[in-house]
N, C-alpha and C. Protein backbone atom coordinates (compact mmCIF):
# COMPACT_ATOMS: atom_id res chain seq x y z
N MET A 1 127.91 -78.19 24.63
CA MET A 1 129.07 -78.68 23.94
C MET A 1 129.03 -80.20 23.81
N SER A 2 128.59 -80.90 24.80
CA SER A 2 128.45 -82.35 24.66
C SER A 2 127.04 -82.64 24.21
N THR A 3 126.60 -83.87 24.36
CA THR A 3 125.23 -84.19 23.98
C THR A 3 124.24 -83.44 24.87
N ALA A 4 124.70 -82.93 26.01
CA ALA A 4 123.83 -82.15 26.89
C ALA A 4 123.78 -80.69 26.48
N SER A 5 124.45 -80.36 25.39
CA SER A 5 124.62 -78.95 25.05
C SER A 5 123.51 -78.40 24.16
N GLY A 6 123.60 -77.11 24.01
CA GLY A 6 122.79 -76.43 23.02
C GLY A 6 123.45 -76.60 21.67
N ARG A 7 123.08 -75.75 20.76
CA ARG A 7 123.61 -75.82 19.40
C ARG A 7 125.11 -75.57 19.37
N ILE A 8 125.85 -76.42 18.70
CA ILE A 8 127.29 -76.26 18.56
C ILE A 8 127.54 -75.51 17.27
N VAL A 9 128.14 -74.34 17.38
CA VAL A 9 128.30 -73.47 16.22
C VAL A 9 129.62 -73.69 15.48
N LEU A 10 130.49 -74.49 16.03
CA LEU A 10 131.79 -74.73 15.41
C LEU A 10 131.74 -75.96 14.51
N ASP A 11 132.53 -75.94 13.44
CA ASP A 11 132.66 -77.10 12.58
C ASP A 11 133.42 -78.19 13.31
N GLU A 12 133.29 -79.43 12.82
CA GLU A 12 134.06 -80.51 13.41
C GLU A 12 135.54 -80.19 13.28
N GLY A 13 136.28 -80.54 14.31
CA GLY A 13 137.72 -80.29 14.30
C GLY A 13 138.21 -79.99 15.70
N ARG A 14 139.47 -79.61 15.77
CA ARG A 14 140.11 -79.27 17.04
C ARG A 14 140.39 -77.78 17.08
N TYR A 15 140.16 -77.20 18.25
CA TYR A 15 140.32 -75.76 18.43
C TYR A 15 141.14 -75.50 19.69
N ARG A 16 142.25 -74.81 19.54
CA ARG A 16 143.10 -74.46 20.68
C ARG A 16 142.65 -73.13 21.26
N ALA A 17 142.59 -73.08 22.60
CA ALA A 17 142.18 -71.85 23.28
C ALA A 17 143.36 -70.90 23.42
N LYS A 18 143.10 -69.64 23.17
CA LYS A 18 144.11 -68.60 23.37
C LYS A 18 144.30 -68.36 24.87
N ARG A 19 143.17 -68.33 25.59
CA ARG A 19 143.17 -68.19 27.06
C ARG A 19 142.14 -69.15 27.62
N ALA A 20 142.45 -69.68 28.80
CA ALA A 20 141.49 -70.57 29.46
C ALA A 20 141.74 -70.52 30.96
N ALA A 21 140.67 -70.68 31.72
CA ALA A 21 140.79 -70.66 33.18
C ALA A 21 139.67 -71.49 33.79
N GLN A 22 139.97 -72.03 34.96
CA GLN A 22 138.94 -72.63 35.78
C GLN A 22 138.57 -71.57 36.81
N VAL A 23 137.27 -71.40 37.05
CA VAL A 23 136.76 -70.31 37.86
C VAL A 23 135.77 -70.87 38.87
N THR A 24 135.84 -70.38 40.12
CA THR A 24 134.81 -70.78 41.08
C THR A 24 133.47 -70.25 40.58
N ALA A 25 132.41 -70.99 40.89
CA ALA A 25 131.09 -70.63 40.37
C ALA A 25 130.66 -69.22 40.80
N ASP A 26 131.17 -68.76 41.95
CA ASP A 26 130.82 -67.41 42.40
C ASP A 26 131.78 -66.34 41.88
N ASP A 27 132.68 -66.73 40.98
CA ASP A 27 133.64 -65.82 40.34
C ASP A 27 134.66 -65.22 41.30
N SER A 28 134.82 -65.79 42.50
CA SER A 28 135.73 -65.19 43.47
C SER A 28 137.19 -65.51 43.20
N ARG A 29 137.48 -66.66 42.62
CA ARG A 29 138.86 -67.07 42.38
C ARG A 29 138.95 -67.82 41.06
N ALA A 30 140.17 -67.86 40.51
CA ALA A 30 140.39 -68.55 39.23
C ALA A 30 141.81 -69.07 39.16
N MET A 31 142.04 -69.98 38.26
CA MET A 31 143.39 -70.46 37.95
C MET A 31 143.50 -70.61 36.45
N THR A 32 144.65 -70.22 35.91
CA THR A 32 144.84 -70.40 34.47
C THR A 32 145.11 -71.86 34.18
N ILE A 33 144.72 -72.28 33.01
CA ILE A 33 145.06 -73.61 32.54
C ILE A 33 145.76 -73.45 31.20
N ALA A 34 146.66 -74.36 30.92
CA ALA A 34 147.50 -74.24 29.72
C ALA A 34 147.09 -75.26 28.67
N ASP A 35 147.45 -74.98 27.45
CA ASP A 35 147.27 -75.92 26.34
C ASP A 35 145.84 -76.45 26.22
N ALA A 36 144.86 -75.61 26.53
CA ALA A 36 143.46 -76.04 26.44
C ALA A 36 143.06 -76.18 24.97
N MET A 37 142.38 -77.28 24.68
CA MET A 37 141.93 -77.56 23.33
C MET A 37 140.59 -78.29 23.40
N ILE A 38 139.68 -77.93 22.52
CA ILE A 38 138.43 -78.67 22.42
C ILE A 38 138.38 -79.39 21.08
N GLU A 39 137.62 -80.46 21.07
CA GLU A 39 137.39 -81.21 19.84
C GLU A 39 135.90 -81.34 19.62
N VAL A 40 135.44 -80.90 18.46
CA VAL A 40 134.04 -81.05 18.07
C VAL A 40 133.98 -82.27 17.16
N TYR A 41 133.09 -83.20 17.46
CA TYR A 41 133.01 -84.44 16.70
C TYR A 41 131.57 -84.93 16.65
N THR A 42 131.32 -85.89 15.78
CA THR A 42 130.00 -86.51 15.68
C THR A 42 129.99 -87.77 16.52
N GLY A 43 129.07 -87.82 17.47
CA GLY A 43 128.97 -88.96 18.37
C GLY A 43 127.88 -89.92 17.92
N ALA A 44 127.39 -90.69 18.87
CA ALA A 44 126.33 -91.66 18.61
C ALA A 44 125.10 -90.97 18.04
N GLN A 45 124.43 -91.64 17.15
CA GLN A 45 123.19 -91.15 16.53
C GLN A 45 123.40 -89.79 15.87
N ASP A 46 124.58 -89.59 15.28
CA ASP A 46 124.92 -88.35 14.58
C ASP A 46 124.74 -87.09 15.43
N THR A 47 124.98 -87.22 16.73
CA THR A 47 124.88 -86.09 17.64
C THR A 47 126.21 -85.35 17.68
N ARG A 48 126.18 -84.03 17.54
CA ARG A 48 127.40 -83.23 17.65
C ARG A 48 127.81 -83.17 19.12
N CYS A 49 129.08 -83.43 19.39
CA CYS A 49 129.60 -83.47 20.75
C CYS A 49 130.89 -82.68 20.85
N VAL A 50 131.26 -82.36 22.08
CA VAL A 50 132.52 -81.66 22.34
C VAL A 50 133.16 -82.27 23.57
N LYS A 51 134.48 -82.38 23.51
CA LYS A 51 135.27 -82.76 24.67
C LYS A 51 136.54 -81.95 24.60
N GLY A 52 137.28 -81.89 25.70
CA GLY A 52 138.48 -81.08 25.70
C GLY A 52 139.55 -81.61 26.62
N VAL A 53 140.76 -81.09 26.44
CA VAL A 53 141.90 -81.41 27.29
C VAL A 53 142.63 -80.12 27.62
N ALA A 54 143.37 -80.16 28.72
CA ALA A 54 144.18 -79.01 29.13
C ALA A 54 145.24 -79.49 30.11
N THR A 55 146.19 -78.62 30.40
CA THR A 55 147.22 -78.91 31.39
C THR A 55 146.99 -78.00 32.59
N ILE A 56 147.06 -78.59 33.79
CA ILE A 56 146.84 -77.82 35.01
C ILE A 56 148.01 -78.00 35.97
N GLU A 57 148.09 -77.08 36.93
CA GLU A 57 149.00 -77.25 38.07
C GLU A 57 148.17 -77.90 39.18
N ASN A 58 148.57 -79.10 39.59
CA ASN A 58 147.78 -79.87 40.55
C ASN A 58 147.47 -79.11 41.84
N LEU A 59 148.47 -78.48 42.42
CA LEU A 59 148.26 -77.78 43.68
C LEU A 59 147.25 -76.65 43.53
N LEU A 60 147.30 -75.95 42.41
CA LEU A 60 146.35 -74.85 42.21
C LEU A 60 144.92 -75.37 42.12
N LEU A 61 144.72 -76.49 41.44
CA LEU A 61 143.38 -77.05 41.36
C LEU A 61 142.90 -77.48 42.75
N THR A 62 143.78 -78.09 43.52
CA THR A 62 143.42 -78.48 44.89
C THR A 62 143.02 -77.26 45.70
N ASN A 63 143.80 -76.18 45.59
CA ASN A 63 143.48 -74.95 46.32
C ASN A 63 142.15 -74.35 45.85
N LEU A 64 141.90 -74.40 44.56
CA LEU A 64 140.65 -73.87 44.02
C LEU A 64 139.46 -74.68 44.53
N LEU A 65 139.62 -76.00 44.57
CA LEU A 65 138.54 -76.86 45.05
C LEU A 65 138.29 -76.69 46.55
N GLU A 66 139.30 -76.23 47.29
CA GLU A 66 139.10 -75.94 48.71
C GLU A 66 138.23 -74.69 48.88
N GLU A 67 138.26 -73.81 47.89
CA GLU A 67 137.46 -72.58 47.94
C GLU A 67 136.01 -72.83 47.51
N SER A 68 135.82 -73.78 46.58
CA SER A 68 134.48 -74.02 46.04
C SER A 68 134.41 -75.41 45.42
N ASP A 69 133.31 -76.09 45.66
CA ASP A 69 133.09 -77.39 45.02
C ASP A 69 132.59 -77.23 43.59
N GLU A 70 132.13 -76.04 43.26
CA GLU A 70 131.59 -75.78 41.93
C GLU A 70 132.61 -74.98 41.12
N ILE A 71 133.15 -75.62 40.08
CA ILE A 71 134.16 -75.00 39.25
C ILE A 71 133.65 -74.93 37.81
N ASP A 72 133.71 -73.75 37.22
CA ASP A 72 133.35 -73.56 35.82
C ASP A 72 134.62 -73.41 35.00
N LEU A 73 134.48 -73.44 33.70
CA LEU A 73 135.61 -73.31 32.79
C LEU A 73 135.29 -72.22 31.78
N ILE A 74 136.24 -71.31 31.56
CA ILE A 74 136.05 -70.30 30.53
C ILE A 74 137.12 -70.49 29.46
N LEU A 75 136.70 -70.32 28.21
CA LEU A 75 137.59 -70.54 27.07
C LEU A 75 137.51 -69.39 26.09
N ASP A 76 138.66 -68.94 25.64
CA ASP A 76 138.76 -67.93 24.59
C ASP A 76 139.32 -68.65 23.37
N LEU A 77 138.44 -68.98 22.44
CA LEU A 77 138.86 -69.69 21.22
C LEU A 77 139.19 -68.71 20.10
N THR A 78 139.29 -67.42 20.40
CA THR A 78 139.56 -66.32 19.48
C THR A 78 138.43 -66.13 18.47
N GLY A 79 138.51 -65.03 17.78
CA GLY A 79 137.53 -64.75 16.74
C GLY A 79 136.11 -64.64 17.21
N GLY A 80 135.89 -64.15 18.41
CA GLY A 80 134.53 -64.01 18.91
C GLY A 80 133.96 -65.26 19.54
N TYR A 81 134.72 -66.33 19.58
CA TYR A 81 134.25 -67.59 20.18
C TYR A 81 134.79 -67.68 21.60
N LYS A 82 134.02 -67.13 22.54
CA LYS A 82 134.40 -67.11 23.95
C LYS A 82 133.24 -67.72 24.73
N TYR A 83 133.56 -68.66 25.61
CA TYR A 83 132.51 -69.45 26.26
C TYR A 83 132.77 -69.68 27.73
N ARG A 84 131.68 -69.94 28.44
CA ARG A 84 131.73 -70.42 29.83
C ARG A 84 131.01 -71.76 29.87
N LEU A 85 131.67 -72.74 30.43
CA LEU A 85 131.08 -74.06 30.64
C LEU A 85 130.78 -74.16 32.12
N PHE A 86 129.52 -74.34 32.46
CA PHE A 86 129.11 -74.42 33.85
C PHE A 86 129.27 -75.85 34.35
N GLY A 87 130.10 -76.01 35.39
CA GLY A 87 130.28 -77.31 36.04
C GLY A 87 130.66 -78.45 35.13
N PRO A 88 131.66 -78.28 34.26
CA PRO A 88 132.02 -79.40 33.38
C PRO A 88 132.57 -80.56 34.20
N GLN A 89 132.41 -81.75 33.67
CA GLN A 89 133.00 -82.92 34.30
C GLN A 89 134.50 -82.87 34.01
N ILE A 90 135.31 -82.96 35.06
CA ILE A 90 136.76 -82.90 34.91
C ILE A 90 137.34 -84.23 35.34
N ARG A 91 138.15 -84.81 34.47
CA ARG A 91 138.79 -86.09 34.76
C ARG A 91 140.30 -85.89 34.74
N SER A 92 140.94 -86.46 35.76
CA SER A 92 142.38 -86.33 35.85
C SER A 92 142.93 -87.58 36.51
N GLY A 93 144.23 -87.72 36.43
CA GLY A 93 144.89 -88.82 37.12
C GLY A 93 144.97 -88.53 38.60
N LYS A 94 145.79 -89.28 39.27
CA LYS A 94 145.98 -89.10 40.70
C LYS A 94 146.71 -87.79 40.96
N ILE A 95 146.57 -87.29 42.17
CA ILE A 95 147.28 -86.07 42.55
C ILE A 95 148.75 -86.39 42.76
N PHE A 96 149.59 -85.58 42.21
CA PHE A 96 151.03 -85.77 42.29
C PHE A 96 151.64 -84.66 43.15
N PRO A 97 152.96 -84.64 43.30
CA PRO A 97 153.58 -83.55 44.07
C PRO A 97 153.14 -82.18 43.55
N PRO A 98 153.17 -81.18 44.43
CA PRO A 98 152.64 -79.86 44.09
C PRO A 98 153.21 -79.22 42.83
N ASP A 99 154.47 -79.50 42.52
CA ASP A 99 155.09 -78.82 41.39
C ASP A 99 154.86 -79.52 40.06
N VAL A 100 154.02 -80.55 40.06
CA VAL A 100 153.77 -81.32 38.85
C VAL A 100 152.54 -80.78 38.12
N HIS A 101 152.61 -80.79 36.80
CA HIS A 101 151.47 -80.42 35.95
C HIS A 101 150.86 -81.71 35.41
N SER A 102 149.55 -81.72 35.26
CA SER A 102 148.85 -82.90 34.75
C SER A 102 147.93 -82.52 33.61
N THR A 103 147.64 -83.49 32.79
CA THR A 103 146.64 -83.31 31.75
C THR A 103 145.28 -83.68 32.33
N VAL A 104 144.29 -82.86 32.06
CA VAL A 104 142.92 -83.14 32.48
C VAL A 104 142.03 -83.18 31.24
N GLN A 105 140.97 -83.94 31.35
CA GLN A 105 139.94 -83.96 30.31
C GLN A 105 138.72 -83.25 30.87
N PHE A 106 138.03 -82.50 30.03
CA PHE A 106 136.79 -81.88 30.49
C PHE A 106 135.69 -82.16 29.49
N ILE A 107 134.51 -82.41 30.04
CA ILE A 107 133.34 -82.73 29.24
C ILE A 107 132.19 -81.86 29.73
N PRO A 108 131.60 -81.07 28.87
CA PRO A 108 130.47 -80.23 29.28
C PRO A 108 129.32 -81.09 29.80
N THR A 109 128.65 -80.58 30.82
CA THR A 109 127.49 -81.27 31.39
C THR A 109 126.21 -80.47 31.19
N SER A 110 126.34 -79.28 30.65
CA SER A 110 125.18 -78.42 30.39
C SER A 110 125.54 -77.53 29.20
N PRO A 111 124.56 -76.82 28.65
CA PRO A 111 124.86 -75.94 27.52
C PRO A 111 125.94 -74.92 27.86
N TRP A 112 126.77 -74.64 26.88
CA TRP A 112 127.81 -73.63 27.08
C TRP A 112 127.23 -72.27 26.80
N GLN A 113 127.77 -71.27 27.48
CA GLN A 113 127.28 -69.91 27.33
C GLN A 113 128.30 -69.11 26.54
N GLN A 114 127.88 -68.56 25.40
CA GLN A 114 128.78 -67.71 24.64
C GLN A 114 128.79 -66.33 25.30
N ILE A 115 129.99 -65.75 25.38
CA ILE A 115 130.18 -64.46 26.03
C ILE A 115 130.69 -63.47 24.99
N PRO A 116 130.05 -62.30 24.86
CA PRO A 116 130.55 -61.30 23.91
C PRO A 116 132.01 -60.95 24.21
N GLU A 117 132.76 -60.65 23.15
CA GLU A 117 134.21 -60.45 23.27
C GLU A 117 134.60 -59.40 24.32
N LYS A 118 134.01 -58.23 24.27
CA LYS A 118 134.36 -57.16 25.22
C LYS A 118 134.03 -57.59 26.64
N GLU A 119 132.87 -58.19 26.83
CA GLU A 119 132.45 -58.65 28.15
C GLU A 119 133.42 -59.72 28.67
N PHE A 120 133.83 -60.63 27.80
CA PHE A 120 134.77 -61.68 28.19
C PHE A 120 136.10 -61.06 28.61
N ASP A 121 136.62 -60.13 27.82
CA ASP A 121 137.90 -59.49 28.13
C ASP A 121 137.85 -58.77 29.47
N ASP A 122 136.77 -58.03 29.73
CA ASP A 122 136.61 -57.34 31.01
C ASP A 122 136.52 -58.34 32.15
N TYR A 123 135.74 -59.39 31.96
CA TYR A 123 135.57 -60.42 32.98
C TYR A 123 136.91 -61.10 33.28
N TYR A 124 137.62 -61.51 32.24
CA TYR A 124 138.89 -62.23 32.41
C TYR A 124 139.92 -61.35 33.13
N SER A 125 140.02 -60.10 32.73
CA SER A 125 141.02 -59.22 33.35
C SER A 125 140.68 -58.89 34.80
N GLY A 126 139.42 -59.06 35.20
CA GLY A 126 139.02 -58.79 36.57
C GLY A 126 139.09 -59.99 37.50
N LEU A 127 139.42 -61.16 36.98
CA LEU A 127 139.49 -62.36 37.82
C LEU A 127 140.66 -62.29 38.79
N ARG A 128 140.49 -62.88 39.96
CA ARG A 128 141.57 -62.99 40.95
C ARG A 128 142.18 -64.39 40.81
N PHE A 129 143.33 -64.44 40.17
CA PHE A 129 143.99 -65.72 39.91
C PHE A 129 144.84 -66.15 41.10
N ILE A 130 144.69 -67.41 41.48
CA ILE A 130 145.55 -67.96 42.53
C ILE A 130 146.86 -68.38 41.88
N LYS A 131 147.92 -68.36 42.67
CA LYS A 131 149.24 -68.70 42.16
C LYS A 131 149.94 -69.63 43.13
N GLN A 132 150.97 -70.32 42.64
CA GLN A 132 151.80 -71.17 43.49
C GLN A 132 152.52 -70.28 44.50
N PRO A 133 152.62 -70.73 45.77
CA PRO A 133 153.41 -69.96 46.73
C PRO A 133 154.88 -69.94 46.34
N GLY A 134 155.53 -68.84 46.66
CA GLY A 134 156.97 -68.74 46.43
C GLY A 134 157.27 -68.19 45.16
């Protein structure tokens, strides 16, 4: 998706995800993320690039990172465009009180993996999502 990616099959523009989650690399736990959107653009030397933003619950991300240092991102962009980003770079502000949501930026660090629609749906429905206590 970024300059480190394989072929980007989407046209330049912004794409909102129907579903998105951060997942431990071993698939043991996940957390939903809201308002996920990617932007495909032309970078330096006419290289196609991708970056994205989403909204997260800070406490859930902290809990997920306690389970695993390796976090992947899965995106359902609808219409057969379903992907897994392995170990994307995630940038966020400082950690705030547990009930606060923050905007994060994510940048792919390796090629994204397209997942067939049925396989993605089965995988997503089988994830164990962590939730806020209470």
